[in-house]
Amino acid sequence: MKNDINGLLNSIKHFDKDISKLVKSGLTFCFIFCLFSVFILFTYNFIYSMPILFYIGYSLFKSSLMFSVAFIICGIGFDKLKKEVN
């Protein structure tokens, strides 16, 4: 199991330049998206107690986490495809 995790981390460290740039910009977008959702959840918790704010913040938070995982998985997949083609 430890070798699998080390292999995954090594493959992430040795991404192609273009793929690495795309994954980093995607993760930056997801981080900003996540901060926006946390701001909405703080607004719900401290200022307004409207349930719609909770559902919007929670949905945005889940979406940002799913997008970040999708960027990482797609980055790994595209990197492997690009290395196999070359």
C-alpha atoms as a PDB file:
ATOM      1  CA  MET A   1       0.000   0.000   0.000  1.00  0.00           C
ATOM      2  CA  LYS A   2       2.824   2.389   0.816  1.00  0.00           C
ATOM      3  CA  ASN A   3       4.405   1.800  -2.603  1.00  0.00           C
ATOM      4  CA  ASP A   4       1.094   2.637  -4.283  1.00  0.00           C
ATOM      5  CA  ILE A   5       0.853   5.968  -2.513  1.00  0.00           C
ATOM      6  CA  ASN A   6       4.505   6.773  -3.217  1.00  0.00           C
ATOM      7  CA  GLY A   7       3.998   5.882  -6.886  1.00  0.00           C
ATOM      8  CA  LEU A   8       0.958   8.155  -7.065  1.00  0.00           C
ATOM      9  CA  LEU A   9       2.828  11.038  -5.447  1.00  0.00           C
ATOM     10  CA  ASN A  10       5.791  10.535  -7.799  1.00  0.00           C
ATOM     11  CA  SER A  11       3.512  10.571 -10.830  1.00  0.00           C
ATOM     12  CA  ILE A  12       1.931  13.816  -9.608  1.00  0.00           C
ATOM     13  CA  LYS A  13       5.366  15.377  -9.044  1.00  0.00           C
ATOM     14  CA  HIS A  14       6.528  14.466 -12.562  1.00  0.00           C
ATOM     15  CA  PHE A  15       3.586  15.834 -14.551  1.00  0.00           C
ATOM     16  CA  ASP A  16       4.132  17.342 -17.968  1.00  0.00           C
ATOM     17  CA  LYS A  17       4.502  21.152 -17.850  1.00  0.00           C
ATOM     18  CA  ASP A  18       1.221  21.898 -19.606  1.00  0.00           C
ATOM     19  CA  ILE A  19      -0.755  19.389 -17.571  1.00  0.00           C
ATOM     20  CA  SER A  20       0.809  20.627 -14.340  1.00  0.00           C
ATOM     21  CA  LYS A  21      -0.146  24.209 -15.224  1.00  0.00           C
ATOM     22  CA  LEU A  22      -3.712  23.153 -15.987  1.00  0.00           C
ATOM     23  CA  VAL A  23      -4.075  21.156 -12.756  1.00  0.00           C
ATOM     24  CA  LYS A  24      -2.627  23.989 -10.663  1.00  0.00           C
ATOM     25  CA  SER A  25      -4.945  26.568 -12.192  1.00  0.00           C
ATOM     26  CA  GLY A  26      -7.902  24.206 -11.728  1.00  0.00           C
ATOM     27  CA  LEU A  27      -7.037  23.633  -8.091  1.00  0.00           C
ATOM     28  CA  THR A  28      -6.675  27.388  -7.582  1.00  0.00           C
ATOM     29  CA  PHE A  29     -10.155  27.879  -9.041  1.00  0.00           C
ATOM     30  CA  CYS A  30     -11.529  25.152  -6.760  1.00  0.00           C
ATOM     31  CA  PHE A  31      -9.841  26.714  -3.726  1.00  0.00           C
ATOM     32  CA  ILE A  32     -11.427  30.114  -4.470  1.00  0.00           C
ATOM     33  CA  PHE A  33     -14.755  28.373  -5.052  1.00  0.00           C
ATOM     34  CA  CYS A  34     -14.353  26.612  -1.684  1.00  0.00           C
ATOM     35  CA  LEU A  35     -13.548  29.877   0.111  1.00  0.00           C
ATOM     36  CA  PHE A  36     -16.659  31.450  -1.380  1.00  0.00           C
ATOM     37  CA  SER A  37     -18.783  28.564  -0.100  1.00  0.00           C
ATOM     38  CA  VAL A  38     -17.206  28.823   3.356  1.00  0.00           C
ATOM     39  CA  PHE A  39     -18.022  32.551   3.354  1.00  0.00           C
ATOM     40  CA  ILE A  40     -21.649  31.710   2.576  1.00  0.00           C
ATOM     41  CA  LEU A  41     -21.716  29.120   5.373  1.00  0.00           C
ATOM     42  CA  PHE A  42     -20.237  31.642   7.832  1.00  0.00           C
ATOM     43  CA  THR A  43     -22.887  34.129   6.756  1.00  0.00           C
ATOM     44  CA  TYR A  44     -25.538  31.523   7.477  1.00  0.00           C
ATOM     45  CA  ASN A  45     -24.030  30.703  10.848  1.00  0.00           C
ATOM     46  CA  PHE A  46     -23.377  34.196  12.195  1.00  0.00           C
ATOM     47  CA  ILE A  47     -25.593  36.701  10.379  1.00  0.00           C
ATOM     48  CA  TYR A  48     -28.625  35.168   8.686  1.00  0.00           C
ATOM     49  CA  SER A  49     -30.237  31.897   9.689  1.00  0.00           C
ATOM     50  CA  MET A  50     -31.952  31.218   6.394  1.00  0.00           C
ATOM     51  CA  PRO A  51     -31.865  27.528   5.443  1.00  0.00           C
ATOM     52  CA  ILE A  52     -31.375  28.361   1.760  1.00  0.00           C
ATOM     53  CA  LEU A  53     -27.962  29.860   2.590  1.00  0.00           C
ATOM     54  CA  PHE A  54     -26.944  26.619   4.240  1.00  0.00           C
ATOM     55  CA  TYR A  55     -28.000  24.526   1.263  1.00  0.00           C
ATOM     56  CA  ILE A  56     -26.285  26.859  -1.213  1.00  0.00           C
ATOM     57  CA  GLY A  57     -23.047  26.917   0.810  1.00  0.00           C
ATOM     58  CA  TYR A  58     -23.087  23.181   1.364  1.00  0.00           C
ATOM     59  CA  SER A  59     -23.736  22.446  -2.303  1.00  0.00           C
ATOM     60  CA  LEU A  60     -20.986  24.813  -3.422  1.00  0.00           C
ATOM     61  CA  PHE A  61     -18.559  23.243  -0.952  1.00  0.00           C
ATOM     62  CA  LYS A  62     -19.318  19.733  -2.197  1.00  0.00           C
ATOM     63  CA  SER A  63     -18.993  20.894  -5.797  1.00  0.00           C
ATOM     64  CA  SER A  64     -15.627  22.522  -5.172  1.00  0.00           C
ATOM     65  CA  LEU A  65     -14.274  19.354  -3.581  1.00  0.00           C
ATOM     66  CA  MET A  66     -15.571  17.218  -6.445  1.00  0.00           C
ATOM     67  CA  PHE A  67     -14.071  19.576  -9.028  1.00  0.00           C
ATOM     68  CA  SER A  68     -10.684  19.453  -7.300  1.00  0.00           C
ATOM     69  CA  VAL A  69     -10.708  15.655  -7.266  1.00  0.00           C
ATOM     70  CA  ALA A  70     -11.760  15.630 -10.919  1.00  0.00           C
ATOM     71  CA  PHE A  71      -8.887  17.963 -11.864  1.00  0.00           C
ATOM     72  CA  ILE A  72      -6.372  15.705 -10.119  1.00  0.00           C
ATOM     73  CA  ILE A  73      -7.760  12.489 -11.621  1.00  0.00           C
ATOM     74  CA  CYS A  74      -7.988  13.956 -15.117  1.00  0.00           C
ATOM     75  CA  GLY A  75      -4.466  15.347 -14.774  1.00  0.00           C
ATOM     76  CA  ILE A  76      -3.132  11.892 -13.898  1.00  0.00           C
ATOM     77  CA  GLY A  77      -5.057  10.316 -16.760  1.00  0.00           C
ATOM     78  CA  PHE A  78      -3.955  12.836 -19.368  1.00  0.00           C
ATOM     79  CA  ASP A  79      -0.352  12.630 -18.180  1.00  0.00           C
ATOM     80  CA  LYS A  80      -0.337   8.840 -18.544  1.00  0.00           C
ATOM     81  CA  LEU A  81      -1.920   9.098 -21.992  1.00  0.00           C
ATOM     82  CA  LYS A  82       0.580  11.700 -23.120  1.00  0.00           C
ATOM     83  CA  LYS A  83       3.527   9.624 -21.869  1.00  0.00           C
ATOM     84  CA  GLU A  84       2.221   6.480 -23.592  1.00  0.00           C
ATOM     85  CA  VAL A  85       1.731   8.260 -26.920  1.00  0.00           C
ATOM     86  CA  ASN A  86       5.250   9.741 -26.859  1.00  0.00           C
END
